Amino acid sequence: MESGPAIFTGVVFALFGGGLLLWTTIRVRQGEPVAHGVRPVMSATLASVVAVAALALGAWCFTRL
């Protein structure tokens, strides 16, 4: 009964983290800004950290099954 919310939350975090990491990688490789009005290195670093944290949180949710 409790595994349903854990699976849903894990999938949401994993999809968000994977999508953000993929999007950030594509933007950096193309030389385009990740966020407008912010230093490019700072925005790419922050987006990458948030993406990895979301992936880790999703993996943690899957270990709770």
PDB file of N, CA and C in Angstrom:
ATOM      1  N   MET A   1       0.810  -1.184   0.000  1.00  0.00           N
ATOM      2  CA  MET A   1       0.000   0.000   0.000  1.00  0.00           C
ATOM      3  C   MET A   1       0.861   1.257   0.000  1.00  0.00           C
ATOM      4  N   GLU A   2       1.963   1.261   0.740  1.00  0.00           N
ATOM      5  CA  GLU A   2       2.805   2.438   0.821  1.00  0.00           C
ATOM      6  C   GLU A   2       3.797   2.526  -0.337  1.00  0.00           C
ATOM      7  N   SER A   3       3.919   1.499  -1.137  1.00  0.00           N
ATOM      8  CA  SER A   3       4.889   1.536  -2.227  1.00  0.00           C
ATOM      9  C   SER A   3       4.398   2.378  -3.401  1.00  0.00           C
ATOM     10  N   GLY A   4       3.107   2.582  -3.532  1.00  0.00           N
ATOM     11  CA  GLY A   4       2.563   3.390  -4.628  1.00  0.00           C
ATOM     12  C   GLY A   4       3.063   4.815  -4.622  1.00  0.00           C
ATOM     13  N   PRO A   5       2.950   5.537  -3.510  1.00  0.00           N
ATOM     14  CA  PRO A   5       3.464   6.902  -3.472  1.00  0.00           C
ATOM     15  C   PRO A   5       4.981   6.969  -3.647  1.00  0.00           C
ATOM     16  N   ALA A   6       5.707   5.991  -3.133  1.00  0.00           N
ATOM     17  CA  ALA A   6       7.161   5.984  -3.281  1.00  0.00           C
ATOM     18  C   ALA A   6       7.555   5.793  -4.740  1.00  0.00           C
ATOM     19  N   ILE A   7       6.842   4.934  -5.441  1.00  0.00           N
ATOM     20  CA  ILE A   7       7.129   4.718  -6.865  1.00  0.00           C
ATOM     21  C   ILE A   7       6.816   5.977  -7.658  1.00  0.00           C
ATOM     22  N   PHE A   8       5.662   6.579  -7.400  1.00  0.00           N
ATOM     23  CA  PHE A   8       5.280   7.794  -8.110  1.00  0.00           C
ATOM     24  C   PHE A   8       6.284   8.916  -7.863  1.00  0.00           C
ATOM     25  N   THR A   9       6.648   9.138  -6.612  1.00  0.00           N
ATOM     26  CA  THR A   9       7.590  10.195  -6.270  1.00  0.00           C
ATOM     27  C   THR A   9       8.959   9.921  -6.872  1.00  0.00           C
ATOM     28  N   GLY A  10       9.406   8.685  -6.821  1.00  0.00           N
ATOM     29  CA  GLY A  10      10.697   8.331  -7.417  1.00  0.00           C
ATOM     30  C   GLY A  10      10.722   8.567  -8.913  1.00  0.00           C
ATOM     31  N   VAL A  11       9.640   8.223  -9.590  1.00  0.00           N
ATOM     32  CA  VAL A  11       9.563   8.439 -11.036  1.00  0.00           C
ATOM     33  C   VAL A  11       9.561   9.928 -11.356  1.00  0.00           C
ATOM     34  N   VAL A  12       8.821  10.715 -10.586  1.00  0.00           N
ATOM     35  CA  VAL A  12       8.770  12.165 -10.829  1.00  0.00           C
ATOM     36  C   VAL A  12      10.147  12.785 -10.650  1.00  0.00           C
ATOM     37  N   PHE A  13      10.822  12.461  -9.559  1.00  0.00           N
ATOM     38  CA  PHE A  13      12.153  13.012  -9.329  1.00  0.00           C
ATOM     39  C   PHE A  13      13.148  12.536 -10.385  1.00  0.00           C
ATOM     40  N   ALA A  14      13.082  11.272 -10.759  1.00  0.00           N
ATOM     41  CA  ALA A  14      14.008  10.741 -11.760  1.00  0.00           C
ATOM     42  C   ALA A  14      13.784  11.392 -13.127  1.00  0.00           C
ATOM     43  N   LEU A  15      12.531  11.563 -13.530  1.00  0.00           N
ATOM     44  CA  LEU A  15      12.245  12.205 -14.812  1.00  0.00           C
ATOM     45  C   LEU A  15      12.661  13.675 -14.808  1.00  0.00           C
ATOM     46  N   PHE A  16      12.375  14.372 -13.719  1.00  0.00           N
ATOM     47  CA  PHE A  16      12.766  15.777 -13.626  1.00  0.00           C
ATOM     48  C   PHE A  16      14.286  15.914 -13.645  1.00  0.00           C
ATOM     49  N   GLY A  17      14.977  15.128 -12.844  1.00  0.00           N
ATOM     50  CA  GLY A  17      16.436  15.207 -12.790  1.00  0.00           C
ATOM     51  C   GLY A  17      17.088  14.828 -14.106  1.00  0.00           C
ATOM     52  N   GLY A  18      16.597  13.761 -14.724  1.00  0.00           N
ATOM     53  CA  GLY A  18      17.146  13.345 -16.014  1.00  0.00           C
ATOM     54  C   GLY A  18      16.890  14.368 -17.103  1.00  0.00           C
ATOM     55  N   GLY A  19      15.683  14.915 -17.135  1.00  0.00           N
ATOM     56  CA  GLY A  19      15.354  15.932 -18.139  1.00  0.00           C
ATOM     57  C   GLY A  19      16.152  17.205 -17.950  1.00  0.00           C
ATOM     58  N   LEU A  20      16.303  17.646 -16.712  1.00  0.00           N
ATOM     59  CA  LEU A  20      17.072  18.854 -16.442  1.00  0.00           C
ATOM     60  C   LEU A  20      18.545  18.653 -16.778  1.00  0.00           C
ATOM     61  N   LEU A  21      19.090  17.502 -16.449  1.00  0.00           N
ATOM     62  CA  LEU A  21      20.494  17.224 -16.764  1.00  0.00           C
ATOM     63  C   LEU A  21      20.714  17.152 -18.269  1.00  0.00           C
ATOM     64  N   LEU A  22      19.800  16.523 -18.984  1.00  0.00           N
ATOM     65  CA  LEU A  22      19.901  16.444 -20.436  1.00  0.00           C
ATOM     66  C   LEU A  22      19.791  17.827 -21.068  1.00  0.00           C
ATOM     67  N   TRP A  23      18.825  18.618 -20.623  1.00  0.00           N
ATOM     68  CA  TRP A  23      18.631  19.964 -21.152  1.00  0.00           C
ATOM     69  C   TRP A  23      19.842  20.852 -20.878  1.00  0.00           C
ATOM     70  N   THR A  24      20.381  20.775 -19.676  1.00  0.00           N
ATOM     71  CA  THR A  24      21.556  21.568 -19.319  1.00  0.00           C
ATOM     72  C   THR A  24      22.755  21.168 -20.174  1.00  0.00           C
ATOM     73  N   THR A  25      22.951  19.890 -20.382  1.00  0.00           N
ATOM     74  CA  THR A  25      24.067  19.413 -21.204  1.00  0.00           C
ATOM     75  C   THR A  25      23.941  19.908 -22.637  1.00  0.00           C
ATOM     76  N   ILE A  26      22.754  19.840 -23.191  1.00  0.00           N
ATOM     77  CA  ILE A  26      22.543  20.292 -24.568  1.00  0.00           C
ATOM     78  C   ILE A  26      22.797  21.787 -24.677  1.00  0.00           C
ATOM     79  N   ARG A  27      22.292  22.572 -23.726  1.00  0.00           N
ATOM     80  CA  ARG A  27      22.494  24.028 -23.766  1.00  0.00           C
ATOM     81  C   ARG A  27      23.976  24.386 -23.656  1.00  0.00           C
ATOM     82  N   VAL A  28      24.711  23.711 -22.790  1.00  0.00           N
ATOM     83  CA  VAL A  28      26.139  24.010 -22.607  1.00  0.00           C
ATOM     84  C   VAL A  28      26.919  23.628 -23.855  1.00  0.00           C
ATOM     85  N   ARG A  29      26.623  22.479 -24.442  1.00  0.00           N
ATOM     86  CA  ARG A  29      27.333  22.047 -25.660  1.00  0.00           C
ATOM     87  C   ARG A  29      27.082  22.971 -26.839  1.00  0.00           C
ATOM     88  N   GLN A  30      25.892  23.544 -26.909  1.00  0.00           N
ATOM     89  CA  GLN A  30      25.572  24.458 -28.002  1.00  0.00           C
ATOM     90  C   GLN A  30      26.062  25.869 -27.730  1.00  0.00           C
ATOM     91  N   GLY A  31      26.568  26.116 -26.534  1.00  0.00           N
ATOM     92  CA  GLY A  31      27.073  27.429 -26.176  1.00  0.00           C
ATOM     93  C   GLY A  31      25.986  28.441 -25.870  1.00  0.00           C
ATOM     94  N   GLU A  32      24.799  27.974 -25.601  1.00  0.00           N
ATOM     95  CA  GLU A  32      23.678  28.854 -25.287  1.00  0.00           C
ATOM     96  C   GLU A  32      23.537  28.979 -23.775  1.00  0.00           C
ATOM     97  N   PRO A  33      22.962  30.076 -23.303  1.00  0.00           N
ATOM     98  CA  PRO A  33      22.838  30.257 -21.846  1.00  0.00           C
ATOM     99  C   PRO A  33      21.828  29.281 -21.236  1.00  0.00           C
ATOM    100  N   VAL A  34      22.134  28.848 -20.048  1.00  0.00           N
ATOM    101  CA  VAL A  34      21.216  27.976 -19.324  1.00  0.00           C
ATOM    102  C   VAL A  34      20.121  28.819 -18.681  1.00  0.00           C
ATOM    103  N   ALA A  35      20.485  30.000 -18.184  1.00  0.00           N
ATOM    104  CA  ALA A  35      19.536  30.951 -17.608  1.00  0.00           C
ATOM    105  C   ALA A  35      19.936  32.349 -18.055  1.00  0.00           C
ATOM    106  N   HIS A  36      18.980  33.148 -18.444  1.00  0.00           N
ATOM    107  CA  HIS A  36      19.268  34.498 -18.905  1.00  0.00           C
ATOM    108  C   HIS A  36      19.538  35.423 -17.709  1.00  0.00           C
ATOM    109  N   GLY A  37      20.549  36.280 -17.871  1.00  0.00           N
ATOM    110  CA  GLY A  37      20.860  37.257 -16.840  1.00  0.00           C
ATOM    111  C   GLY A  37      21.743  36.742 -15.724  1.00  0.00           C
ATOM    112  N   VAL A  38      22.265  35.525 -15.873  1.00  0.00           N
ATOM    113  CA  VAL A  38      23.125  34.925 -14.849  1.00  0.00           C
ATOM    114  C   VAL A  38      24.411  34.483 -15.530  1.00  0.00           C
ATOM    115  N   ARG A  39      25.507  34.480 -14.778  1.00  0.00           N
ATOM    116  CA  ARG A  39      26.771  34.017 -15.355  1.00  0.00           C
ATOM    117  C   ARG A  39      26.607  32.582 -15.859  1.00  0.00           C
ATOM    118  N   PRO A  40      27.121  32.292 -17.057  1.00  0.00           N
ATOM    119  CA  PRO A  40      26.925  30.960 -17.652  1.00  0.00           C
ATOM    120  C   PRO A  40      27.447  29.806 -16.794  1.00  0.00           C
ATOM    121  N   VAL A  41      28.625  29.977 -16.213  1.00  0.00           N
ATOM    122  CA  VAL A  41      29.184  28.892 -15.405  1.00  0.00           C
ATOM    123  C   VAL A  41      28.341  28.661 -14.152  1.00  0.00           C
ATOM    124  N   MET A  42      27.906  29.747 -13.540  1.00  0.00           N
ATOM    125  CA  MET A  42      27.105  29.645 -12.321  1.00  0.00           C
ATOM    126  C   MET A  42      25.769  28.956 -12.604  1.00  0.00           C
ATOM    127  N   SER A  43      25.099  29.338 -13.674  1.00  0.00           N
ATOM    128  CA  SER A  43      23.793  28.752 -13.970  1.00  0.00           C
ATOM    129  C   SER A  43      23.909  27.280 -14.364  1.00  0.00           C
ATOM    130  N   ALA A  44      24.934  26.938 -15.143  1.00  0.00           N
ATOM    131  CA  ALA A  44      25.125  25.542 -15.530  1.00  0.00           C
ATOM    132  C   ALA A  44      25.467  24.677 -14.319  1.00  0.00           C
ATOM    133  N   THR A  45      26.283  25.212 -13.436  1.00  0.00           N
ATOM    134  CA  THR A  45      26.648  24.466 -12.230  1.00  0.00           C
ATOM    135  C   THR A  45      25.444  24.246 -11.334  1.00  0.00           C
ATOM    136  N   LEU A  46      24.680  25.297 -11.101  1.00  0.00           N
ATOM    137  CA  LEU A  46      23.507  25.178 -10.233  1.00  0.00           C
ATOM    138  C   LEU A  46      22.476  24.215 -10.824  1.00  0.00           C
ATOM    139  N   ALA A  47      22.234  24.308 -12.127  1.00  0.00           N
ATOM    140  CA  ALA A  47      21.272  23.402 -12.765  1.00  0.00           C
ATOM    141  C   ALA A  47      21.752  21.959 -12.681  1.00  0.00           C
ATOM    142  N   SER A  48      23.046  21.741 -12.842  1.00  0.00           N
ATOM    143  CA  SER A  48      23.587  20.382 -12.753  1.00  0.00           C
ATOM    144  C   SER A  48      23.474  19.828 -11.337  1.00  0.00           C
ATOM    145  N   VAL A  49      23.749  20.656 -10.352  1.00  0.00           N
ATOM    146  CA  VAL A  49      23.642  20.211  -8.962  1.00  0.00           C
ATOM    147  C   VAL A  49      22.198  19.859  -8.615  1.00  0.00           C
ATOM    148  N   VAL A  50      21.264  20.680  -9.046  1.00  0.00           N
ATOM    149  CA  VAL A  50      19.847  20.402  -8.777  1.00  0.00           C
ATOM    150  C   VAL A  50      19.413  19.112  -9.493  1.00  0.00           C
ATOM    151  N   ALA A  51      19.884  18.908 -10.724  1.00  0.00           N
ATOM    152  CA  ALA A  51      19.526  17.702 -11.469  1.00  0.00           C
ATOM    153  C   ALA A  51      20.064  16.451 -10.794  1.00  0.00           C
ATOM    154  N   VAL A  52      21.322  16.489 -10.373  1.00  0.00           N
ATOM    155  CA  VAL A  52      21.903  15.327  -9.693  1.00  0.00           C
ATOM    156  C   VAL A  52      21.214  15.080  -8.353  1.00  0.00           C
ATOM    157  N   ALA A  53      20.870  16.149  -7.650  1.00  0.00           N
ATOM    158  CA  ALA A  53      20.155  15.986  -6.382  1.00  0.00           C
ATOM    159  C   ALA A  53      18.778  15.353  -6.607  1.00  0.00           C
ATOM    160  N   ALA A  54      18.084  15.757  -7.656  1.00  0.00           N
ATOM    161  CA  ALA A  54      16.778  15.165  -7.958  1.00  0.00           C
ATOM    162  C   ALA A  54      16.919  13.688  -8.321  1.00  0.00           C
ATOM    163  N   LEU A  55      17.954  13.355  -9.092  1.00  0.00           N
ATOM    164  CA  LEU A  55      18.184  11.947  -9.425  1.00  0.00           C
ATOM    165  C   LEU A  55      18.505  11.134  -8.174  1.00  0.00           C
ATOM    166  N   ALA A  56      19.308  11.692  -7.287  1.00  0.00           N
ATOM    167  CA  ALA A  56      19.641  10.993  -6.048  1.00  0.00           C
ATOM    168  C   ALA A  56      18.401  10.820  -5.168  1.00  0.00           C
ATOM    169  N   LEU A  57      17.566  11.834  -5.106  1.00  0.00           N
ATOM    170  CA  LEU A  57      16.338  11.737  -4.326  1.00  0.00           C
ATOM    171  C   LEU A  57      15.386  10.697  -4.924  1.00  0.00           C
ATOM    172  N   GLY A  58      15.323  10.643  -6.253  1.00  0.00           N
ATOM    173  CA  GLY A  58      14.515   9.617  -6.899  1.00  0.00           C
ATOM    174  C   GLY A  58      15.033   8.219  -6.602  1.00  0.00           C
ATOM    175  N   ALA A  59      16.350   8.055  -6.640  1.00  0.00           N
ATOM    176  CA  ALA A  59      16.942   6.753  -6.317  1.00  0.00           C
ATOM    177  C   ALA A  59      16.675   6.388  -4.861  1.00  0.00           C
ATOM    178  N   TRP A  60      16.736   7.375  -3.971  1.00  0.00           N
ATOM    179  CA  TRP A  60      16.445   7.127  -2.567  1.00  0.00           C
ATOM    180  C   TRP A  60      15.002   6.659  -2.382  1.00  0.00           C
ATOM    181  N   CYS A  61      14.092   7.278  -3.120  1.00  0.00           N
ATOM    182  CA  CYS A  61      12.681   6.876  -3.035  1.00  0.00           C
ATOM    183  C   CYS A  61      12.504   5.436  -3.480  1.00  0.00           C
ATOM    184  N   PHE A  62      13.249   5.014  -4.501  1.00  0.00           N
ATOM    185  CA  PHE A  62      13.139   3.639  -4.972  1.00  0.00           C
ATOM    186  C   PHE A  62      13.720   2.646  -3.963  1.00  0.00           C
ATOM    187  N   THR A  63      14.670   3.077  -3.137  1.00  0.00           N
ATOM    188  CA  THR A  63      15.206   2.169  -2.128  1.00  0.00           C
ATOM    189  C   THR A  63      14.242   1.978  -0.963  1.00  0.00           C
ATOM    190  N   ARG A  64      13.236   2.826  -0.853  1.00  0.00           N
ATOM    191  CA  ARG A  64      12.253   2.746   0.229  1.00  0.00           C
ATOM    192  C   ARG A  64      11.148   1.736  -0.066  1.00  0.00           C
ATOM    193  N   LEU A  65      11.190   1.071  -1.199  1.00  0.00           N
ATOM    194  CA  LEU A  65      10.122   0.121  -1.560  1.00  0.00           C
ATOM    195  C   LEU A  65      10.172  -1.127  -0.719  1.00  0.00           C
TER     196      LEU A  65
END
